[in-house]
Protein backbone atom coordinates (compact mmCIF):
# COMPACT_ATOMS: atom_id res chain seq x y z
CA UNK A 1 0.00 0.00 0.00
CA UNK A 2 1.27 3.45 -0.91
CA UNK A 3 0.72 5.65 2.12
CA UNK A 4 1.11 9.32 1.24
CA UNK A 5 1.78 10.27 4.85
CA UNK A 6 4.63 7.78 5.23
CA UNK A 7 6.23 9.33 2.17
CA UNK A 8 6.52 12.64 4.03
CA UNK A 9 9.71 13.58 5.81
CA UNK A 10 9.61 12.75 9.56
CA UNK A 11 6.42 10.66 9.39
CA UNK A 12 6.92 6.97 10.11
CA UNK A 13 4.52 4.07 10.31
CA UNK A 14 3.21 4.74 13.81
CA UNK A 15 2.76 8.46 13.25
CA UNK A 16 0.94 7.77 9.98
CA UNK A 17 -1.33 5.26 11.73
CA UNK A 18 -2.18 7.81 14.43
CA UNK A 19 -2.92 10.46 11.81
CA UNK A 20 -5.11 8.05 9.82
CA UNK A 21 -7.00 7.19 13.02
CA UNK A 22 -8.01 10.86 13.41
CA UNK A 23 -9.03 11.26 9.77
CA UNK A 24 -5.84 12.72 8.32
CA UNK A 25 -4.94 10.72 5.23
CA UNK A 26 -3.04 13.08 2.94
CA UNK A 27 -0.70 16.06 2.86
CA UNK A 28 -3.70 18.25 2.04
CA UNK A 29 -5.50 16.96 5.16
CA UNK A 30 -2.39 17.67 7.20
CA UNK A 31 -2.14 21.19 5.80
CA UNK A 32 -5.79 21.86 6.65
CA UNK A 33 -5.27 20.79 10.27
CA UNK A 34 -1.83 22.31 10.67
CA UNK A 35 0.78 20.88 12.98
CA UNK A 36 -0.93 21.97 16.19
CA UNK A 37 -4.40 20.83 15.12
CA UNK A 38 -3.14 17.45 13.96
CA UNK A 39 -1.14 16.97 17.16
CA UNK A 40 -4.15 17.88 19.30
CA UNK A 41 -6.37 15.46 17.37
CA UNK A 42 -3.88 12.62 17.88
CA UNK A 43 -3.43 13.47 21.54
CA UNK A 44 -7.20 13.74 22.13
CA UNK A 45 -7.60 10.24 20.70
CA UNK A 46 -5.44 8.97 23.55
CA UNK A 47 -2.29 8.10 21.66
CA UNK A 48 0.90 8.62 23.64
CA UNK A 49 2.35 11.26 21.37
CA UNK A 50 5.15 13.45 22.64
CA UNK A 51 5.99 16.94 21.45
CA UNK A 52 8.37 15.33 18.97
CA UNK A 53 5.29 14.42 16.93
CA UNK A 54 4.31 18.10 16.88
CA UNK A 55 7.76 19.00 15.58
CA UNK A 56 7.77 16.08 13.14
CA UNK A 57 4.46 17.20 11.64
CA UNK A 58 5.70 20.79 11.32
CA UNK A 59 8.88 19.53 9.67
CA UNK A 60 6.79 17.39 7.30
CA UNK A 61 4.72 20.41 6.34
CA UNK A 62 7.90 22.42 5.70
CA UNK A 63 9.71 19.43 4.13
CA UNK A 64 12.64 19.71 6.52
CA UNK A 65 13.97 17.41 9.24
CA UNK A 66 12.23 18.21 12.52
CA UNK A 67 15.64 18.57 14.13
CA UNK A 68 16.26 21.56 11.83
CA UNK A 69 13.47 23.56 13.47
CA UNK A 70 15.00 26.39 15.45
CA UNK A 71 14.41 26.69 19.17
CA UNK A 72 12.36 29.81 18.41
CA UNK A 73 10.19 27.91 15.93
CA UNK A 74 9.61 25.13 18.47
CA UNK A 75 8.78 27.73 21.13
CA UNK A 76 6.23 29.27 18.77
CA UNK A 77 4.62 25.89 18.18
CA UNK A 78 4.51 25.25 21.92
CA UNK A 79 2.88 28.65 22.48
CA UNK A 80 0.24 27.87 19.82
CA UNK A 81 -0.35 24.50 21.44
CA UNK A 82 -0.82 26.05 24.87
CA UNK A 83 -3.19 28.66 23.45
CA UNK A 84 -5.21 26.02 21.58
CA UNK A 85 -5.51 23.90 24.71
CA UNK A 86 -6.66 26.94 26.68
CA UNK A 87 -9.25 27.77 24.00
CA UNK A 88 -10.58 24.22 24.16
CA UNK A 89 -11.07 24.49 27.93
CA UNK A 90 -13.12 27.70 27.65
C-alpha atoms as a PDB file:
ATOM      1  CA  UNK A   1       0.000   0.000   0.000  1.00  0.00           C
ATOM      2  CA  UNK A   2       1.267   3.448  -0.908  1.00  0.00           C
ATOM      3  CA  UNK A   3       0.715   5.655   2.124  1.00  0.00           C
ATOM      4  CA  UNK A   4       1.108   9.320   1.241  1.00  0.00           C
ATOM      5  CA  UNK A   5       1.777  10.267   4.851  1.00  0.00           C
ATOM      6  CA  UNK A   6       4.628   7.781   5.234  1.00  0.00           C
ATOM      7  CA  UNK A   7       6.233   9.329   2.170  1.00  0.00           C
ATOM      8  CA  UNK A   8       6.522  12.636   4.029  1.00  0.00           C
ATOM      9  CA  UNK A   9       9.713  13.582   5.813  1.00  0.00           C
ATOM     10  CA  UNK A  10       9.615  12.749   9.559  1.00  0.00           C
ATOM     11  CA  UNK A  11       6.415  10.656   9.391  1.00  0.00           C
ATOM     12  CA  UNK A  12       6.918   6.974  10.109  1.00  0.00           C
ATOM     13  CA  UNK A  13       4.525   4.066  10.308  1.00  0.00           C
ATOM     14  CA  UNK A  14       3.211   4.736  13.811  1.00  0.00           C
ATOM     15  CA  UNK A  15       2.764   8.462  13.255  1.00  0.00           C
ATOM     16  CA  UNK A  16       0.942   7.768   9.984  1.00  0.00           C
ATOM     17  CA  UNK A  17      -1.334   5.265  11.734  1.00  0.00           C
ATOM     18  CA  UNK A  18      -2.184   7.810  14.429  1.00  0.00           C
ATOM     19  CA  UNK A  19      -2.923  10.460  11.812  1.00  0.00           C
ATOM     20  CA  UNK A  20      -5.107   8.053   9.822  1.00  0.00           C
ATOM     21  CA  UNK A  21      -7.001   7.193  13.016  1.00  0.00           C
ATOM     22  CA  UNK A  22      -8.012  10.859  13.410  1.00  0.00           C
ATOM     23  CA  UNK A  23      -9.035  11.262   9.767  1.00  0.00           C
ATOM     24  CA  UNK A  24      -5.843  12.718   8.323  1.00  0.00           C
ATOM     25  CA  UNK A  25      -4.941  10.720   5.226  1.00  0.00           C
ATOM     26  CA  UNK A  26      -3.039  13.084   2.937  1.00  0.00           C
ATOM     27  CA  UNK A  27      -0.700  16.056   2.856  1.00  0.00           C
ATOM     28  CA  UNK A  28      -3.699  18.252   2.043  1.00  0.00           C
ATOM     29  CA  UNK A  29      -5.498  16.962   5.156  1.00  0.00           C
ATOM     30  CA  UNK A  30      -2.387  17.668   7.202  1.00  0.00           C
ATOM     31  CA  UNK A  31      -2.135  21.190   5.803  1.00  0.00           C
ATOM     32  CA  UNK A  32      -5.790  21.855   6.651  1.00  0.00           C
ATOM     33  CA  UNK A  33      -5.273  20.790  10.267  1.00  0.00           C
ATOM     34  CA  UNK A  34      -1.829  22.315  10.672  1.00  0.00           C
ATOM     35  CA  UNK A  35       0.783  20.880  12.985  1.00  0.00           C
ATOM     36  CA  UNK A  36      -0.927  21.974  16.193  1.00  0.00           C
ATOM     37  CA  UNK A  37      -4.398  20.833  15.115  1.00  0.00           C
ATOM     38  CA  UNK A  38      -3.135  17.452  13.955  1.00  0.00           C
ATOM     39  CA  UNK A  39      -1.141  16.967  17.158  1.00  0.00           C
ATOM     40  CA  UNK A  40      -4.152  17.876  19.300  1.00  0.00           C
ATOM     41  CA  UNK A  41      -6.368  15.459  17.373  1.00  0.00           C
ATOM     42  CA  UNK A  42      -3.880  12.622  17.881  1.00  0.00           C
ATOM     43  CA  UNK A  43      -3.429  13.474  21.545  1.00  0.00           C
ATOM     44  CA  UNK A  44      -7.197  13.738  22.131  1.00  0.00           C
ATOM     45  CA  UNK A  45      -7.604  10.236  20.701  1.00  0.00           C
ATOM     46  CA  UNK A  46      -5.441   8.967  23.555  1.00  0.00           C
ATOM     47  CA  UNK A  47      -2.291   8.100  21.658  1.00  0.00           C
ATOM     48  CA  UNK A  48       0.899   8.619  23.641  1.00  0.00           C
ATOM     49  CA  UNK A  49       2.351  11.259  21.372  1.00  0.00           C
ATOM     50  CA  UNK A  50       5.149  13.448  22.644  1.00  0.00           C
ATOM     51  CA  UNK A  51       5.993  16.940  21.449  1.00  0.00           C
ATOM     52  CA  UNK A  52       8.370  15.335  18.970  1.00  0.00           C
ATOM     53  CA  UNK A  53       5.288  14.419  16.927  1.00  0.00           C
ATOM     54  CA  UNK A  54       4.305  18.102  16.880  1.00  0.00           C
ATOM     55  CA  UNK A  55       7.765  19.004  15.582  1.00  0.00           C
ATOM     56  CA  UNK A  56       7.773  16.083  13.135  1.00  0.00           C
ATOM     57  CA  UNK A  57       4.462  17.198  11.635  1.00  0.00           C
ATOM     58  CA  UNK A  58       5.699  20.787  11.322  1.00  0.00           C
ATOM     59  CA  UNK A  59       8.875  19.527   9.672  1.00  0.00           C
ATOM     60  CA  UNK A  60       6.794  17.388   7.304  1.00  0.00           C
ATOM     61  CA  UNK A  61       4.723  20.415   6.337  1.00  0.00           C
ATOM     62  CA  UNK A  62       7.901  22.424   5.705  1.00  0.00           C
ATOM     63  CA  UNK A  63       9.705  19.431   4.129  1.00  0.00           C
ATOM     64  CA  UNK A  64      12.637  19.714   6.519  1.00  0.00           C
ATOM     65  CA  UNK A  65      13.970  17.410   9.244  1.00  0.00           C
ATOM     66  CA  UNK A  66      12.227  18.214  12.520  1.00  0.00           C
ATOM     67  CA  UNK A  67      15.643  18.570  14.128  1.00  0.00           C
ATOM     68  CA  UNK A  68      16.264  21.560  11.826  1.00  0.00           C
ATOM     69  CA  UNK A  69      13.472  23.558  13.470  1.00  0.00           C
ATOM     70  CA  UNK A  70      15.003  26.394  15.449  1.00  0.00           C
ATOM     71  CA  UNK A  71      14.414  26.691  19.173  1.00  0.00           C
ATOM     72  CA  UNK A  72      12.363  29.810  18.408  1.00  0.00           C
ATOM     73  CA  UNK A  73      10.191  27.907  15.929  1.00  0.00           C
ATOM     74  CA  UNK A  74       9.607  25.134  18.474  1.00  0.00           C
ATOM     75  CA  UNK A  75       8.781  27.728  21.135  1.00  0.00           C
ATOM     76  CA  UNK A  76       6.235  29.274  18.767  1.00  0.00           C
ATOM     77  CA  UNK A  77       4.622  25.891  18.179  1.00  0.00           C
ATOM     78  CA  UNK A  78       4.505  25.252  21.920  1.00  0.00           C
ATOM     79  CA  UNK A  79       2.875  28.649  22.482  1.00  0.00           C
ATOM     80  CA  UNK A  80       0.244  27.874  19.822  1.00  0.00           C
ATOM     81  CA  UNK A  81      -0.347  24.495  21.445  1.00  0.00           C
ATOM     82  CA  UNK A  82      -0.817  26.051  24.870  1.00  0.00           C
ATOM     83  CA  UNK A  83      -3.192  28.662  23.448  1.00  0.00           C
ATOM     84  CA  UNK A  84      -5.214  26.021  21.580  1.00  0.00           C
ATOM     85  CA  UNK A  85      -5.513  23.898  24.707  1.00  0.00           C
ATOM     86  CA  UNK A  86      -6.664  26.941  26.678  1.00  0.00           C
ATOM     87  CA  UNK A  87      -9.247  27.772  23.997  1.00  0.00           C
ATOM     88  CA  UNK A  88     -10.582  24.216  24.159  1.00  0.00           C
ATOM     89  CA  UNK A  89     -11.074  24.492  27.930  1.00  0.00           C
ATOM     90  CA  UNK A  90     -13.124  27.697  27.650  1.00  0.00           C
END
